Amino acid sequence: MHDSVLRHLRESFHERFAHHGHVDQVRSAGRLFAGDYSAAATVRDEFDGSLLGIGVMHDLAGEVVSLDGVTWRVPVDGTPVAVDVEETVAFGVAAHGGRRHRVAVGAGVDVDGLLGVIDTYLARHHIDHEEVVCALRLTGTFRDVVLRTVASPTYEGETLGEIIDDEARFRFDSWTGTMVGFRFPDATTGDTIPGIHLHGIADDRSSGGHLRNMTTADVALDLWVDELHRLHDSAESDGAESNEAVDFSRYEGPVDD
C-alpha cells in the first residue's frame, strides 16, 4: 500500500513536469576538458528562445551567460561582453520552456547549501535528484562571491584542467546580480558536469563569470525541472575524448582560498 501511494505521487509529479520543457547540451564535458575548443554551435542555434543558458565560447574566448534573450561572454578580464548570435560556442547548455517554481532560500547559504536546498525540494515531491536535470536562476544580493574566467589555450592540445589551474578569479565582498545554470545528477560518465554549475552576471554588467564561491544574502531562486536531457555531440567535431576521469570537484566546485 505504502509503495503504491509513493508510486502514484511520483507519477503525478512526473506528469506535472513532463513535456513542458527540455534541456539541450552541445558537446560533452569530457570532450571539452580533453581540449576540444572548436566551434560546436552558433549562439543562435544553442540559446535562441531559451529561458537561460551557460557555456564556453569557441577557443575559450569567454564564459557564457545567457538570459533574458541576450547572450554574454565573460573574457579573461572579467567584464561581460554581449555577443552576436552568429558567434560560436565550444560548449553550451540551455533550458527551453518548462514550469517555473519559486523555492525559498534563506540568507547564509553557500554553494553546497544551495545543492541541499534543491535536493530537499525534489525529495519533498518524491523525486530522486539522480533522475532529473534542474535549470536554476538565482537573483539578488550575494556575499563572498568568487567568479572565474579563463584565457585561451597557449598551445595545441592544452587541456581545460591545465588552463583552469591558472584561472583568473574575481572576489567581491558584496555582489548583486543573477546566477544561472544547472543542477545535474551526481552520477556522470563525463558527458555532463555533476552537481551545481552556475555562471553569473552583475546587474550593472560590470562583472561575471563561472561561479566558484558565494553566500546568499537576499536572493530568489527559480527552478525548472526536466526529466529529459539531450546531449548534442556531433561526430563532425573530432576532438579526442579524455581517457581519464575528470575531477570536476577540483575544477568546477567551490575553492578553499
Protein backbone atom coordinates (compact mmCIF):
# COMPACT_ATOMS: atom_id res chain seq x y z
CA MET A 1 0.00 0.00 0.00
CA HIS A 2 2.72 2.43 1.01
CA ASP A 3 4.74 1.69 -2.16
CA SER A 4 1.71 2.18 -4.40
CA VAL A 5 0.97 5.58 -2.83
CA LEU A 6 4.55 6.72 -3.35
CA ARG A 7 4.45 5.48 -6.93
CA HIS A 8 1.24 7.44 -7.54
CA LEU A 9 2.76 10.61 -6.09
CA ARG A 10 5.89 10.11 -8.15
CA GLU A 11 3.92 9.57 -11.36
CA SER A 12 1.76 12.61 -10.62
CA PHE A 13 4.86 14.76 -10.17
CA HIS A 14 6.34 13.43 -13.41
CA GLU A 15 3.12 14.20 -15.26
CA ARG A 16 3.14 17.78 -14.00
CA PHE A 17 6.68 18.37 -15.25
CA ALA A 18 6.89 16.18 -18.34
CA HIS A 19 6.61 17.67 -21.82
CA HIS A 20 6.73 21.25 -20.61
CA GLY A 21 10.34 21.94 -21.50
CA HIS A 22 13.72 20.46 -22.26
CA VAL A 23 17.42 20.99 -21.67
CA ASP A 24 19.84 20.88 -24.59
CA GLN A 25 23.60 20.48 -24.34
CA VAL A 26 26.06 20.80 -27.18
CA ARG A 27 29.33 18.86 -26.79
CA SER A 28 30.18 16.61 -23.86
CA ALA A 29 32.05 17.93 -20.85
CA GLY A 30 34.64 15.19 -21.35
CA ARG A 31 35.39 16.38 -24.88
CA LEU A 32 35.71 19.98 -23.68
CA PHE A 33 38.05 19.05 -20.84
CA ALA A 34 40.14 16.98 -23.26
CA GLY A 35 40.92 20.16 -25.17
CA ASP A 36 38.33 20.44 -27.94
CA TYR A 37 37.52 24.15 -28.04
CA SER A 38 36.36 24.21 -31.65
CA ALA A 39 33.02 25.66 -32.69
CA ALA A 40 30.19 23.30 -31.76
CA ALA A 41 27.17 25.55 -32.41
CA THR A 42 26.26 29.16 -33.01
CA VAL A 43 24.84 31.23 -30.19
CA ARG A 44 21.57 31.36 -32.12
CA ASP A 45 21.39 27.58 -32.50
CA GLU A 46 22.05 26.90 -28.84
CA PHE A 47 20.38 29.77 -26.98
CA ASP A 48 17.70 31.26 -29.25
CA GLY A 49 14.37 31.15 -27.44
CA SER A 50 15.87 29.66 -24.28
CA LEU A 51 15.00 30.62 -20.71
CA LEU A 52 18.62 30.65 -19.68
CA GLY A 53 21.92 29.05 -20.54
CA ILE A 54 25.61 28.73 -19.83
CA GLY A 55 28.63 27.65 -21.81
CA VAL A 56 32.10 28.46 -23.09
CA MET A 57 32.93 30.40 -26.24
CA HIS A 58 34.87 28.96 -29.15
CA ASP A 59 38.61 28.90 -28.35
CA LEU A 60 37.74 29.75 -24.71
CA ALA A 61 37.05 33.36 -25.60
CA GLY A 62 34.83 33.73 -22.55
CA GLU A 63 32.47 32.06 -20.09
CA VAL A 64 28.90 32.27 -21.44
CA VAL A 65 25.84 33.59 -19.61
CA SER A 66 22.54 33.69 -21.48
CA LEU A 67 19.36 35.17 -20.03
CA ASP A 68 16.50 37.47 -21.00
CA GLY A 69 17.19 36.84 -24.69
CA VAL A 70 20.76 38.15 -24.55
CA THR A 71 23.94 36.08 -24.50
CA TRP A 72 27.09 37.44 -22.89
CA ARG A 73 30.66 36.21 -22.84
CA VAL A 74 32.97 37.00 -19.93
CA PRO A 75 36.57 37.06 -21.17
CA VAL A 76 39.69 36.78 -19.06
CA ASP A 77 39.43 40.39 -17.81
CA GLY A 78 36.08 39.58 -16.14
CA THR A 79 33.99 42.19 -17.95
CA PRO A 80 30.89 40.84 -19.78
CA VAL A 81 30.51 41.50 -23.50
CA ALA A 82 27.26 40.94 -25.42
CA VAL A 83 27.84 38.53 -28.32
CA ASP A 84 26.33 38.29 -31.77
CA VAL A 85 24.06 35.33 -32.48
CA GLU A 86 26.40 34.12 -35.24
CA GLU A 87 29.35 33.77 -32.86
CA THR A 88 30.11 30.21 -31.80
CA VAL A 89 30.41 28.24 -28.60
CA ALA A 90 32.58 25.24 -27.80
CA PHE A 91 30.19 24.05 -25.10
CA GLY A 92 26.69 25.08 -24.14
CA VAL A 93 23.70 24.07 -22.04
CA ALA A 94 20.32 25.76 -22.48
CA ALA A 95 16.90 25.39 -20.85
CA HIS A 96 13.87 25.72 -23.12
CA GLY A 97 10.39 26.07 -21.65
CA GLY A 98 9.18 24.38 -18.51
CA ARG A 99 7.20 25.38 -15.46
CA ARG A 100 8.79 27.80 -13.05
CA HIS A 101 8.85 27.03 -9.34
CA ARG A 102 9.91 29.55 -6.71
CA VAL A 103 12.00 27.89 -3.99
CA ALA A 104 12.77 29.63 -0.70
CA VAL A 105 16.45 30.22 0.04
CA GLY A 106 17.46 31.93 3.24
CA ALA A 107 20.47 34.10 3.92
CA GLY A 108 23.83 32.48 4.63
CA VAL A 109 23.51 29.58 2.17
CA ASP A 110 26.71 28.63 0.33
CA VAL A 111 27.10 26.57 -2.86
CA ASP A 112 26.90 23.24 -1.04
CA GLY A 113 23.94 24.51 0.96
CA LEU A 114 22.17 25.53 -2.23
CA LEU A 115 22.59 21.99 -3.51
CA GLY A 116 20.92 20.78 -0.33
CA VAL A 117 18.02 23.22 -0.74
CA ILE A 118 17.36 21.94 -4.26
CA ASP A 119 17.63 18.27 -3.34
CA THR A 120 15.33 18.77 -0.36
CA TYR A 121 12.78 20.41 -2.63
CA LEU A 122 12.95 17.48 -5.05
CA ALA A 123 12.71 14.91 -2.25
CA ARG A 124 9.66 16.68 -0.86
CA HIS A 125 7.96 15.89 -4.15
CA HIS A 126 9.23 12.32 -4.19
CA ILE A 127 11.76 12.91 -6.95
CA ASP A 128 15.28 11.49 -6.92
CA HIS A 129 17.77 14.15 -7.97
CA GLU A 130 19.61 11.47 -9.93
CA GLU A 131 16.64 11.26 -12.30
CA VAL A 132 16.19 14.90 -13.29
CA VAL A 133 18.04 17.96 -14.52
CA CYS A 134 17.22 21.29 -12.88
CA ALA A 135 17.64 24.68 -14.51
CA LEU A 136 18.29 27.45 -11.98
CA ARG A 137 18.04 31.21 -11.84
CA LEU A 138 19.24 32.79 -8.62
CA THR A 139 18.73 36.56 -8.42
CA GLY A 140 19.59 39.09 -5.73
CA THR A 141 22.42 40.05 -3.43
CA PHE A 142 25.29 37.74 -2.50
CA ARG A 143 28.29 37.87 -0.19
CA ASP A 144 31.81 36.44 -0.53
CA VAL A 145 31.46 35.87 -4.27
CA VAL A 146 34.29 34.36 -6.30
CA LEU A 147 33.89 34.29 -10.08
CA ARG A 148 36.37 32.84 -12.55
CA THR A 149 37.31 33.23 -16.18
CA VAL A 150 39.98 31.52 -18.23
CA ALA A 151 42.34 32.53 -21.02
CA SER A 152 42.52 30.93 -24.44
CA PRO A 153 44.86 27.92 -24.75
CA THR A 154 48.52 28.74 -25.18
CA TYR A 155 49.36 25.64 -27.21
CA GLU A 156 47.52 22.99 -29.18
CA GLY A 157 46.26 20.15 -27.03
CA GLU A 158 46.31 22.08 -23.73
CA THR A 159 43.58 20.54 -21.59
CA LEU A 160 40.94 22.59 -19.86
CA GLY A 161 42.18 21.36 -16.49
CA GLU A 162 45.62 22.80 -17.21
CA ILE A 163 44.06 26.10 -18.23
CA ILE A 164 41.82 26.24 -15.16
CA ASP A 165 44.89 25.78 -12.95
CA ASP A 166 45.73 29.36 -13.99
CA GLU A 167 42.17 30.69 -13.91
CA ALA A 168 41.56 34.37 -13.18
CA ARG A 169 39.50 34.84 -10.02
CA PHE A 170 37.49 37.91 -9.10
CA ARG A 171 36.37 38.36 -5.50
CA PHE A 172 33.52 40.52 -4.23
CA ASP A 173 32.53 41.08 -0.61
CA SER A 174 29.07 42.04 -1.86
CA TRP A 175 27.69 41.36 -5.33
CA THR A 176 24.27 41.96 -6.87
CA GLY A 177 23.18 40.13 -9.99
CA THR A 178 21.91 36.88 -11.44
CA MET A 179 23.36 33.36 -11.33
CA VAL A 180 22.05 30.93 -13.93
CA GLY A 181 22.87 27.31 -14.58
CA PHE A 182 22.01 23.71 -13.83
CA ARG A 183 21.96 21.01 -11.22
CA PHE A 184 22.89 17.72 -12.89
CA PRO A 185 22.73 14.27 -11.28
CA ASP A 186 25.87 13.31 -9.38
CA ALA A 187 26.31 10.16 -11.44
CA THR A 188 28.24 11.04 -14.59
CA THR A 189 30.28 9.33 -17.28
CA GLY A 190 31.88 12.62 -18.25
CA ASP A 191 29.08 13.76 -20.56
CA THR A 192 27.81 16.33 -18.09
CA ILE A 193 29.21 18.25 -15.15
CA PRO A 194 27.66 16.81 -11.96
CA GLY A 195 26.20 18.90 -9.19
CA ILE A 196 25.65 22.65 -9.49
CA HIS A 197 27.20 24.56 -12.38
CA LEU A 198 26.41 28.30 -12.33
CA HIS A 199 27.58 31.36 -14.25
CA GLY A 200 26.84 34.87 -13.05
CA ILE A 201 26.42 38.37 -14.44
CA ALA A 202 26.13 41.53 -12.32
CA ASP A 203 23.09 43.78 -12.60
CA ASP A 204 25.30 46.62 -13.83
CA ARG A 205 27.04 44.24 -16.29
CA SER A 206 30.43 45.15 -14.84
CA SER A 207 31.39 41.62 -13.76
CA GLY A 208 30.56 38.00 -14.33
CA GLY A 209 31.94 34.54 -14.92
CA HIS A 210 31.84 30.97 -13.66
CA LEU A 211 30.81 30.77 -10.01
CA ARG A 212 33.36 29.30 -7.59
CA ASN A 213 32.05 30.63 -4.27
CA MET A 214 29.12 32.61 -2.87
CA THR A 215 26.92 33.02 0.16
CA THR A 216 23.34 34.18 -0.23
CA ALA A 217 22.24 37.46 1.35
CA ASP A 218 18.83 38.31 -0.13
CA VAL A 219 18.02 36.12 -3.13
CA ALA A 220 15.17 34.50 -5.03
CA LEU A 221 15.56 31.04 -6.60
CA ASP A 222 13.54 30.00 -9.64
CA LEU A 223 13.74 26.32 -10.51
CA TRP A 224 12.71 24.38 -13.62
CA VAL A 225 12.77 20.57 -13.51
CA ASP A 226 13.28 18.44 -16.61
CA GLU A 227 13.37 14.66 -16.83
CA LEU A 228 14.93 14.63 -20.29
CA HIS A 229 18.42 15.84 -21.13
CA ARG A 230 19.51 15.87 -24.73
CA LEU A 231 23.23 15.86 -25.49
CA HIS A 232 24.19 17.01 -28.95
CA ASP A 233 27.80 15.93 -29.56
CA SER A 234 28.27 15.92 -33.31
CA ALA A 235 30.68 13.43 -34.85
CA GLU A 236 31.77 16.26 -37.13
CA SER A 237 33.65 17.73 -34.19
CA ASP A 238 36.56 15.33 -33.97
CA GLY A 239 38.06 16.30 -30.64
CA ALA A 240 39.52 13.48 -28.57
CA GLU A 241 37.64 12.34 -25.51
CA SER A 242 39.67 12.24 -22.33
CA ASN A 243 40.63 8.74 -21.26
CA GLU A 244 40.94 9.89 -17.67
CA ALA A 245 38.11 10.72 -15.29
CA VAL A 246 37.76 14.45 -14.75
CA ASP A 247 37.91 15.67 -11.16
CA PHE A 248 35.01 18.07 -11.52
CA SER A 249 35.05 18.96 -7.83
CA ARG A 250 38.53 20.41 -8.30
CA TYR A 251 37.83 22.40 -11.43
CA GLU A 252 34.17 23.29 -11.07
CA GLY A 253 33.47 23.23 -7.34
CA PRO A 254 33.99 25.81 -4.58
CA VAL A 255 37.53 26.98 -3.90
CA ASP A 256 39.13 27.00 -0.46
CA ASP A 257 41.31 30.09 -0.80
